[in-house]
Protein backbone atom coordinates (compact mmCIF):
# COMPACT_ATOMS: atom_id res chain seq x y z
CA UNK A 1 58.10 68.07 62.77
CA UNK A 2 59.98 68.92 59.63
CA UNK A 3 62.69 71.54 60.06
CA UNK A 4 63.32 73.94 57.04
CA UNK A 5 67.02 74.92 58.04
CA UNK A 6 68.26 75.51 54.25
CA UNK A 7 65.14 75.68 52.37
CA UNK A 8 61.48 76.85 52.11
CA UNK A 9 58.34 74.56 51.78
CA UNK A 10 57.24 74.15 48.11
CA UNK A 11 55.87 77.22 46.42
CA UNK A 12 52.29 75.48 46.78
CA UNK A 13 52.57 76.22 50.49
CA UNK A 14 55.06 78.70 51.07
CA UNK A 15 53.47 81.60 49.09
CA UNK A 16 50.36 81.37 51.34
CA UNK A 17 52.45 80.99 54.17
CA UNK A 18 54.63 83.74 53.53
CA UNK A 19 51.43 85.97 53.29
CA UNK A 20 50.61 84.51 56.70
CA UNK A 21 54.15 85.42 58.17
CA UNK A 22 54.04 89.01 56.82
CA UNK A 23 50.73 89.64 58.68
CA UNK A 24 52.33 88.31 61.90
CA UNK A 25 55.40 90.39 61.24
CA UNK A 26 53.37 93.49 60.49
CA UNK A 27 51.51 93.11 63.88
CA UNK A 28 55.09 92.45 65.64
CA UNK A 29 56.61 95.71 63.99
CA UNK A 30 53.44 97.64 64.83
CA UNK A 31 53.62 96.70 68.68
CA UNK A 32 57.35 97.27 68.97
CA UNK A 33 57.28 100.66 66.74
CA UNK A 34 54.88 102.05 69.21
CA UNK A 35 56.39 100.73 72.10
CA UNK A 36 59.97 101.99 71.21
CA UNK A 37 58.57 105.34 70.22
CA UNK A 38 56.37 105.67 73.32
CA UNK A 39 59.51 104.72 75.64
CA UNK A 40 62.07 107.08 73.67
CA UNK A 41 59.73 110.10 74.00
CA UNK A 42 59.37 109.38 77.59
CA UNK A 43 63.12 109.18 78.42
CA UNK A 44 63.58 112.51 76.57
CA UNK A 45 60.94 113.97 78.65
CA UNK A 46 62.52 112.73 82.05
CA UNK A 47 65.82 114.04 80.81
CA UNK A 48 64.41 117.55 81.43
CA UNK A 49 64.29 116.76 85.13
CA UNK A 50 67.10 113.86 85.53
CA UNK A 51 70.83 114.21 84.84
CA UNK A 52 71.50 111.17 83.16
CA UNK A 53 75.30 111.61 83.75
CA UNK A 54 75.11 110.59 87.22
CA UNK A 55 73.60 107.33 85.99
CA UNK A 56 75.50 106.06 82.70
CA UNK A 57 78.85 107.01 80.95
CA UNK A 58 78.65 108.55 77.87
CA UNK A 59 74.89 110.03 77.86
CA UNK A 60 75.26 111.59 74.53
CA UNK A 61 75.98 107.99 72.99
CA UNK A 62 73.05 106.64 74.58
CA UNK A 63 71.09 109.68 73.42
CA UNK A 64 72.06 108.94 69.65
CA UNK A 65 70.93 105.41 70.24
CA UNK A 66 67.59 106.70 71.13
CA UNK A 67 67.25 109.04 68.42
CA UNK A 68 68.23 106.26 65.95
CA UNK A 69 65.41 103.94 67.50
CA UNK A 70 62.84 106.89 67.44
CA UNK A 71 63.62 107.93 64.00
CA UNK A 72 63.57 104.42 62.79
CA UNK A 73 60.37 103.50 64.69
CA UNK A 74 58.67 106.88 63.10
CA UNK A 75 59.70 106.34 59.69
CA UNK A 76 58.30 102.69 60.02
CA UNK A 77 54.72 103.91 61.24
CA UNK A 78 54.75 106.48 58.40
CA UNK A 79 55.75 103.81 55.94
CA UNK A 80 53.13 101.56 57.11
CA UNK A 81 50.53 104.07 57.06
CA UNK A 82 51.43 105.24 53.46
CA UNK A 83 51.50 101.64 52.25
CA UNK A 84 48.14 100.50 53.97
CA UNK A 85 46.37 103.57 52.49
CA UNK A 86 48.12 103.30 48.88
CA UNK A 87 46.77 101.45 46.15
CA UNK A 88 49.55 99.42 44.94
CA UNK A 89 49.55 95.67 43.35
CA UNK A 90 52.38 94.34 45.17
CA UNK A 91 51.56 95.65 48.60
CA UNK A 92 52.58 92.28 50.68
CA UNK A 93 56.05 92.76 49.09
CA UNK A 94 56.31 96.33 50.42
CA UNK A 95 55.07 95.22 53.86
CA UNK A 96 57.86 92.56 53.79
CA UNK A 97 60.53 94.88 52.93
CA UNK A 98 59.21 97.47 55.84
CA UNK A 99 58.80 94.84 58.38
CA UNK A 100 62.41 93.64 57.52
CA UNK A 101 63.66 97.06 57.57
CA UNK A 102 62.45 97.63 61.08
CA UNK A 103 63.99 94.14 62.22
CA UNK A 104 67.36 95.63 61.08
CA UNK A 105 66.69 98.72 63.03
CA UNK A 106 65.91 96.84 66.53
CA UNK A 107 69.04 94.78 65.57
CA UNK A 108 71.17 98.14 64.88
CA UNK A 109 70.05 99.87 68.00
CA UNK A 110 71.00 97.12 70.17
CA UNK A 111 74.17 96.43 68.26
CA UNK A 112 74.97 100.26 68.83
CA UNK A 113 74.41 99.63 72.74
CA UNK A 114 76.67 96.89 72.49
CA UNK A 115 79.48 99.23 70.91
CA UNK A 116 78.90 101.96 73.59
CA UNK A 117 79.76 99.04 76.12
CA UNK A 118 83.08 98.49 74.41
CA UNK A 119 84.14 101.34 76.53
CA UNK A 120 84.12 99.30 79.31
CA UNK A 121 87.02 97.35 80.03
CA UNK A 122 84.75 94.43 81.07
CA UNK A 123 83.20 94.27 77.80
CA UNK A 124 79.64 92.94 76.97
CA UNK A 125 77.63 91.27 74.26
CA UNK A 126 74.61 91.13 76.29
CA UNK A 127 72.60 93.71 74.37
CA UNK A 128 73.48 92.41 70.78
CA UNK A 129 72.41 89.00 72.05
CA UNK A 130 69.15 90.16 73.33
CA UNK A 131 68.44 92.18 69.80
CA UNK A 132 69.58 89.46 67.77
CA UNK A 133 67.52 86.77 69.77
CA UNK A 134 64.45 88.98 70.21
CA UNK A 135 64.08 89.56 66.20
CA UNK A 136 64.64 85.77 65.73
CA UNK A 137 61.79 84.92 68.03
CA UNK A 138 59.46 87.56 67.39
CA UNK A 139 59.55 87.95 63.34
CA UNK A 140 59.05 85.23 61.02
CA UNK A 141 61.45 85.20 57.99
CA UNK A 142 62.09 82.49 54.89
CA UNK A 143 65.20 81.18 54.45
CA UNK A 144 66.49 83.97 52.18
CA UNK A 145 65.27 86.72 54.48
CA UNK A 146 67.15 85.08 57.62
CA UNK A 147 70.26 84.47 55.21
CA UNK A 148 70.59 87.90 54.32
CA UNK A 149 69.85 89.44 57.69
CA UNK A 150 72.66 86.98 59.11
CA UNK A 151 75.17 88.24 56.61
CA UNK A 152 74.11 92.00 56.66
CA UNK A 153 74.22 91.98 60.38
CA UNK A 154 77.75 90.27 60.63
CA UNK A 155 78.86 92.55 58.02
CA UNK A 156 77.76 95.80 59.82
CA UNK A 157 79.03 94.47 63.11
CA UNK A 158 82.21 93.40 62.10
CA UNK A 159 83.23 96.91 60.14
CA UNK A 160 81.67 98.86 63.10
CA UNK A 161 83.25 97.02 65.77
CA UNK A 162 86.79 98.38 64.66
CA UNK A 163 85.78 101.86 65.50
CA UNK A 164 84.93 101.04 68.90
CA UNK A 165 87.38 98.35 70.00
CA UNK A 166 91.16 98.67 69.65
CA UNK A 167 92.32 95.77 71.89
CA UNK A 168 93.30 93.20 69.13
CA UNK A 169 92.49 90.12 71.59
CA UNK A 170 89.11 91.49 72.52
CA UNK A 171 88.38 92.21 68.86
CA UNK A 172 88.82 88.67 67.89
CA UNK A 173 86.75 87.41 70.68
CA UNK A 174 83.92 89.80 69.70
CA UNK A 175 84.06 88.26 66.02
CA UNK A 176 83.84 85.02 67.05
CA UNK A 177 81.16 85.69 69.72
CA UNK A 178 79.32 87.72 67.22
CA UNK A 179 79.65 84.73 64.64
CA UNK A 180 78.20 82.48 67.15
CA UNK A 181 75.22 84.87 68.24
CA UNK A 182 74.12 85.24 64.42
CA UNK A 183 74.49 81.41 64.07
CA UNK A 184 72.05 80.72 66.76
CA UNK A 185 69.98 83.47 65.52
CA UNK A 186 70.09 81.67 62.39
CA UNK A 187 69.18 78.22 64.21
CA UNK A 188 66.34 79.88 66.21
CA UNK A 189 64.82 81.58 63.43
CA UNK A 190 64.70 78.51 61.25
CA UNK A 191 63.08 76.45 64.01
CA UNK A 192 60.57 78.83 65.00
CA UNK A 193 59.78 79.17 61.09
CA UNK A 194 59.40 75.50 60.79
CA UNK A 195 57.01 75.53 64.10
CA UNK A 196 54.97 78.44 62.65
CA UNK A 197 54.84 76.62 59.32
CA UNK A 198 53.39 73.65 60.68
CA UNK A 199 50.95 75.64 62.91
CA UNK A 200 49.81 77.27 59.65
CA UNK A 201 49.34 74.05 58.03
CA UNK A 202 47.37 72.72 60.81
CA UNK A 203 44.91 75.92 60.28
CA UNK A 204 44.86 75.47 56.82
CA UNK A 205 43.93 71.63 56.85
CA UNK A 206 41.41 72.42 59.52
CA UNK A 207 39.87 75.21 57.13
CA UNK A 208 40.11 72.73 54.28
CA UNK A 209 38.14 69.96 56.14
CA UNK A 210 35.57 72.67 57.45
CA UNK A 211 34.99 73.93 53.75
CA UNK A 212 34.50 70.18 52.77
CA UNK A 213 32.04 69.54 55.14
CA UNK A 214 30.09 72.67 54.16
CA UNK A 215 30.03 71.48 50.57
CA UNK A 216 28.94 68.19 51.38
CA UNK A 217 26.26 69.73 53.65
CA UNK A 218 25.28 72.13 50.74
CA UNK A 219 25.30 69.07 48.15
CA UNK A 220 22.90 67.15 50.26
CA UNK A 221 20.72 70.15 50.48
CA UNK A 222 20.90 70.74 46.78
CA UNK A 223 20.37 66.93 46.26
CA UNK A 224 17.08 67.20 48.36
CA UNK A 225 15.54 70.35 46.65
CA UNK A 226 16.27 68.76 43.30
CA UNK A 227 14.35 65.85 44.27
CA UNK A 228 11.55 68.13 45.26
CA UNK A 229 11.98 70.23 42.29
CA UNK A 230 12.41 67.73 39.38
CA UNK A 231 10.45 64.75 40.67
CA UNK A 232 7.68 66.87 40.90
CA UNK A 233 6.84 67.29 37.45
CA UNK A 234 6.75 63.34 36.46
CA UNK A 235 4.90 62.58 39.52
CA UNK A 236 2.14 65.37 38.93
CA UNK A 237 1.82 63.95 35.18
CA UNK A 238 1.34 60.33 36.76
CA UNK A 239 -1.47 61.54 39.04
CA UNK A 240 -3.21 63.58 36.24
CA UNK A 241 -3.09 60.45 33.92
CA UNK A 242 -4.29 57.91 36.74
CA UNK A 243 -7.25 60.42 37.10
CA UNK A 244 -7.68 60.23 33.65
CA UNK A 245 -7.63 56.35 33.37
CA UNK A 246 -10.20 56.22 36.50
CA UNK A 247 -12.65 58.50 34.58
CA UNK A 248 -15.52 56.53 33.30
CA UNK A 249 -15.60 57.99 30.02
CA UNK A 250 -12.23 56.99 29.07
CA UNK A 251 -11.66 54.38 25.94
CA UNK A 252 -9.58 51.44 26.15
CA UNK A 253 -7.36 53.07 23.46
CA UNK A 254 -6.96 56.23 25.43
CA UNK A 255 -6.11 54.13 28.56
CA UNK A 256 -3.25 52.44 26.75
CA UNK A 257 -2.04 55.62 25.72
CA UNK A 258 -2.24 57.04 29.47
CA UNK A 259 -0.39 53.72 30.41
CA UNK A 260 2.47 54.61 28.03
CA UNK A 261 2.44 57.98 29.32
CA UNK A 262 2.88 56.87 32.86
CA UNK A 263 5.79 54.51 31.95
CA UNK A 264 7.35 57.34 30.23
CA UNK A 265 7.07 59.51 33.31
CA UNK A 266 8.38 56.78 35.20
CA UNK A 267 11.55 56.59 33.15
CA UNK A 268 11.97 60.24 33.31
CA UNK A 269 11.73 59.91 37.26
CA UNK A 270 14.55 57.01 37.17
CA UNK A 271 16.75 59.25 34.88
CA UNK A 272 16.57 61.96 37.48
CA UNK A 273 17.39 59.92 40.21
CA UNK A 274 20.30 58.81 38.33
CA UNK A 275 21.24 62.22 37.60
CA UNK A 276 21.08 63.23 41.37
CA UNK A 277 23.41 60.25 42.20
CA UNK A 278 25.61 61.43 39.56
CA UNK A 279 25.48 64.99 41.37
CA UNK A 280 26.24 63.37 44.72
CA UNK A 281 29.26 61.91 43.10
CA UNK A 282 30.54 64.96 41.50
CA UNK A 283 30.07 63.61 37.90
CA UNK A 284 27.43 66.42 36.89
CA UNK A 285 29.67 67.34 33.80
CA UNK A 286 30.01 63.81 32.35
CA UNK A 287 29.37 63.16 28.73
CA UNK A 288 25.78 62.22 27.99
CA UNK A 289 24.74 59.81 25.22
CA UNK A 290 22.75 61.13 22.43
CA UNK A 291 21.12 59.66 19.45
CA UNK A 292 19.37 61.11 16.07
CA UNK A 293 15.84 62.18 17.31
CA UNK A 294 13.07 63.98 15.24
CA UNK A 295 12.59 67.02 17.02
CA UNK A 296 8.85 67.52 15.37
CA UNK A 297 7.84 64.29 16.83
CA UNK A 298 9.48 64.95 20.30
CA UNK A 299 7.98 68.22 21.00
CA UNK A 300 4.67 67.04 19.58
CA UNK A 301 4.99 64.19 22.26
CA UNK A 302 5.87 66.76 24.81
CA UNK A 303 3.01 69.00 23.97
CA UNK A 304 0.41 65.88 24.11
CA UNK A 305 1.87 65.04 27.63
CA UNK A 306 1.39 68.47 28.85
CA UNK A 307 -2.15 68.96 27.51
CA UNK A 308 -3.44 66.76 30.14
CA UNK A 309 -1.78 68.70 32.99
CA UNK A 310 -1.81 72.46 31.88
CA UNK A 311 -4.56 74.71 33.76
CA UNK A 312 -7.64 75.02 31.36
CA UNK A 313 -7.60 78.67 31.72
CA UNK A 314 -4.30 78.67 29.64
CA UNK A 315 -3.20 77.23 26.26
CA UNK A 316 -0.02 75.35 25.00
CA UNK A 317 0.58 75.73 21.54
CA UNK A 318 3.28 73.82 19.37
CA UNK A 319 4.19 75.44 15.91
CA UNK A 320 5.90 72.77 14.00
CA UNK A 321 8.04 73.68 10.73
CA UNK A 322 7.23 72.23 7.66
CA UNK A 323 10.06 70.20 7.47
CA UNK A 324 11.42 67.59 9.56
CA UNK A 325 14.32 68.62 11.67
CA UNK A 326 16.68 65.87 13.49
CA UNK A 327 19.10 66.48 16.06
CA UNK A 328 21.39 64.65 18.24
CA UNK A 329 19.98 64.81 21.75
CA UNK A 330 19.48 62.72 24.90
CA UNK A 331 15.68 62.55 24.60
CA UNK A 332 14.86 62.34 28.35
CA UNK A 333 17.34 64.81 29.69
CA UNK A 334 16.08 67.50 26.99
CA UNK A 335 12.61 66.76 28.09
CA UNK A 336 13.66 67.79 31.65
CA UNK A 337 14.61 71.20 30.02
CA UNK A 338 11.39 71.55 27.99
CA UNK A 339 9.62 70.30 30.99
CA UNK A 340 10.89 73.24 33.20
CA UNK A 341 10.42 75.89 30.87
CA UNK A 342 6.80 75.23 30.19
CA UNK A 343 6.29 75.04 33.84
CA UNK A 344 7.88 78.27 34.32
CA UNK A 345 5.91 79.84 31.59
CA UNK A 346 2.82 78.57 33.22
CA UNK A 347 3.68 79.84 36.90
CA UNK A 348 4.11 83.25 35.38
CA UNK A 349 1.46 83.31 32.69
CA UNK A 350 -1.89 84.83 33.63
CA UNK A 351 -5.36 83.36 32.92
CA UNK A 352 -6.34 83.11 29.09
CA UNK A 353 -2.45 83.18 28.46
CA UNK A 354 -0.61 81.37 25.73
CA UNK A 355 2.31 79.40 25.86
CA UNK A 356 4.07 78.87 22.68
CA UNK A 357 6.36 75.91 21.55
CA UNK A 358 8.46 76.62 18.69
CA UNK A 359 11.33 74.83 16.24
CA UNK A 360 13.35 75.96 13.53
CA UNK A 361 16.67 76.02 12.20
CA UNK A 362 19.12 79.13 12.19
CA UNK A 363 22.41 78.70 10.40
CA UNK A 364 24.21 75.88 11.86
CA UNK A 365 22.07 75.58 14.80
CA UNK A 366 18.59 74.13 15.80
CA UNK A 367 16.80 76.38 17.93
CA UNK A 368 13.72 75.32 20.36
CA UNK A 369 11.80 78.06 21.83
CA UNK A 370 9.29 78.45 24.52
CA UNK A 371 7.40 81.62 24.79
CA UNK A 372 4.65 83.05 26.64
CA UNK A 373 2.99 86.37 27.05
CA UNK A 374 3.00 86.32 30.74
CA UNK A 375 4.37 88.98 33.34
CA UNK A 376 7.95 88.84 31.98
CA UNK A 377 11.27 88.96 34.33
CA UNK A 378 12.73 92.42 35.65
CA UNK A 379 16.05 93.33 33.75
CA UNK A 380 17.82 93.28 37.06
CA UNK A 381 17.37 89.86 37.72
CA UNK A 382 18.44 88.54 34.17
CA UNK A 383 22.27 88.25 35.39
CA UNK A 384 21.24 85.75 38.18
CA UNK A 385 18.52 83.61 36.03
CA UNK A 386 20.94 80.75 35.92
CA UNK A 387 22.62 80.83 39.07
CA UNK A 388 22.20 77.70 41.11
CA UNK A 389 19.74 78.67 44.05
CA UNK A 390 19.10 81.80 42.26
CA UNK A 391 18.03 84.83 44.00
CA UNK A 392 16.13 85.50 40.85
CA UNK A 393 13.49 82.88 41.80
CA UNK A 394 9.89 84.38 42.46
CA UNK A 395 6.56 82.94 43.51
CA UNK A 396 4.37 82.00 41.01
CA UNK A 397 1.08 83.97 40.11
CA UNK A 398 -0.64 80.91 41.97
CA UNK A 399 1.49 80.83 44.78
CA UNK A 400 3.97 78.11 43.50
CA UNK A 401 7.04 78.36 45.19
CA UNK A 402 10.74 78.53 43.54
CA UNK A 403 13.80 76.69 44.63
CA UNK A 404 16.09 78.68 42.30
CA UNK A 405 17.37 75.65 40.63
CA UNK A 406 15.31 74.69 37.38
CA UNK A 407 17.12 77.24 35.04
CA UNK A 408 20.52 76.22 36.43
CA UNK A 409 19.59 72.46 35.52
CA UNK A 410 18.38 73.58 32.08
CA UNK A 411 21.65 75.56 31.39
CA UNK A 412 23.61 72.50 32.65
CA UNK A 413 21.99 69.76 30.40
CA UNK A 414 21.69 72.14 27.22
CA UNK A 415 25.65 72.52 27.86
CA UNK A 416 26.33 68.78 27.75
CA UNK A 417 24.64 68.84 24.53
CA UNK A 418 27.08 71.29 23.31
CA UNK A 419 24.55 74.29 23.05
CA UNK A 420 23.50 77.21 25.02
CA UNK A 421 20.31 78.65 26.32
CA UNK A 422 19.17 82.37 26.53
CA UNK A 423 16.61 84.57 27.35
CA UNK A 424 14.66 87.37 26.16
CA UNK A 425 12.11 89.30 28.36
CA UNK A 426 10.31 92.48 29.18
CA UNK A 427 8.07 93.08 32.02
CA UNK A 428 4.39 92.73 31.27
CA UNK A 429 5.77 91.77 27.59
CA UNK A 430 6.22 88.00 28.10
CA UNK A 431 9.05 86.01 28.09
CA UNK A 432 11.18 83.93 25.53
CA UNK A 433 13.72 81.14 26.23
CA UNK A 434 15.76 79.71 23.23
CA UNK A 435 17.51 76.47 23.38
CA UNK A 436 20.26 76.50 20.66
CA UNK A 437 21.92 73.07 19.78
CA UNK A 438 24.32 72.40 17.19
CA UNK A 439 22.97 70.92 13.80
CA UNK A 440 25.06 67.87 13.56
CA UNK A 441 22.98 65.68 11.33
């Protein structure tokens, strides 16, 4: 174990450990304050029935010590209550000052008992030692806290000792003993500080490992849900296209087109799997490769693929602009976004509804829009739409399950393109998702 006798750990660890130590000190101070308060009150009550002059010499001086400890404890408890209820920014620092004050009260009380004992020719430093070692064991102070308490205690002890002890030889003996006691206090305090710090680091390491395990488990769960969510679309496409190929009315030319679409869906599936691998390796935000693509042809191709999959009682319309618009995109990734949004539109658009795919240029951006005249999105769900495992996920009109992942994936891909995605929706009025990407070509 490493010992911190003349320094503290690095700021990376000493600051959180200080918070841990302050909480420990608060607990120690609270217990002692209540105990001392109850004990002092009990002694004062017993004094009504017992003559302490028959038990100890100088009962008035012992009474003064009890008043000192009682008042110090009451002030601490009041201060603790005030700080606990107050809304202050530096609450921990206030507690650190308050608990340090109470440690000095305890030391001061036991020091006073030692001064009273100086009237006895036999002399004793037992109470002072008990107070110093008690504080050294029960409180956790950093280096500067221990150092300041040591210096302050030695100074007060040395000055006050002259008022209680006139024998020069005994006076110097007490100076030496007090120095040794305070030195031992410093050593004990620093050893226990190091021990507590080691325990704190073990707790922190255990907590970090536990959080890491939870993150790994969460990532695995996310990957499984993403597989279920993203791979469903190309697999459904392949199943629909195979059904069309097997249809007896399909011409060879149509079959060739379907084969090409199946090949495209397989490529999309491969891309999705690679993205899932990247997610597992925590490379979600890597730079993607883009190339100039005619968005007119791209969206027309997306529409053609969906024509064979969209329910017969819903209509997908693509409104192409008069001019050709070319943008730098990753075609496969952007198709995942469009597919997700079209799939959502279908889920929440009633029979005979219309889903509209639009394209236009706006200032320095290119906008792709997917609109529907469906049931819309409640306003209270808008802030959560793009969260991963979003609580905004809802069951579709035909009972389709939502994993709360689709829009999060869409946002991630769009942001990788340097763009952004937004939504405009009103209940019973429909929904529009706008994808804005930079016009760099």
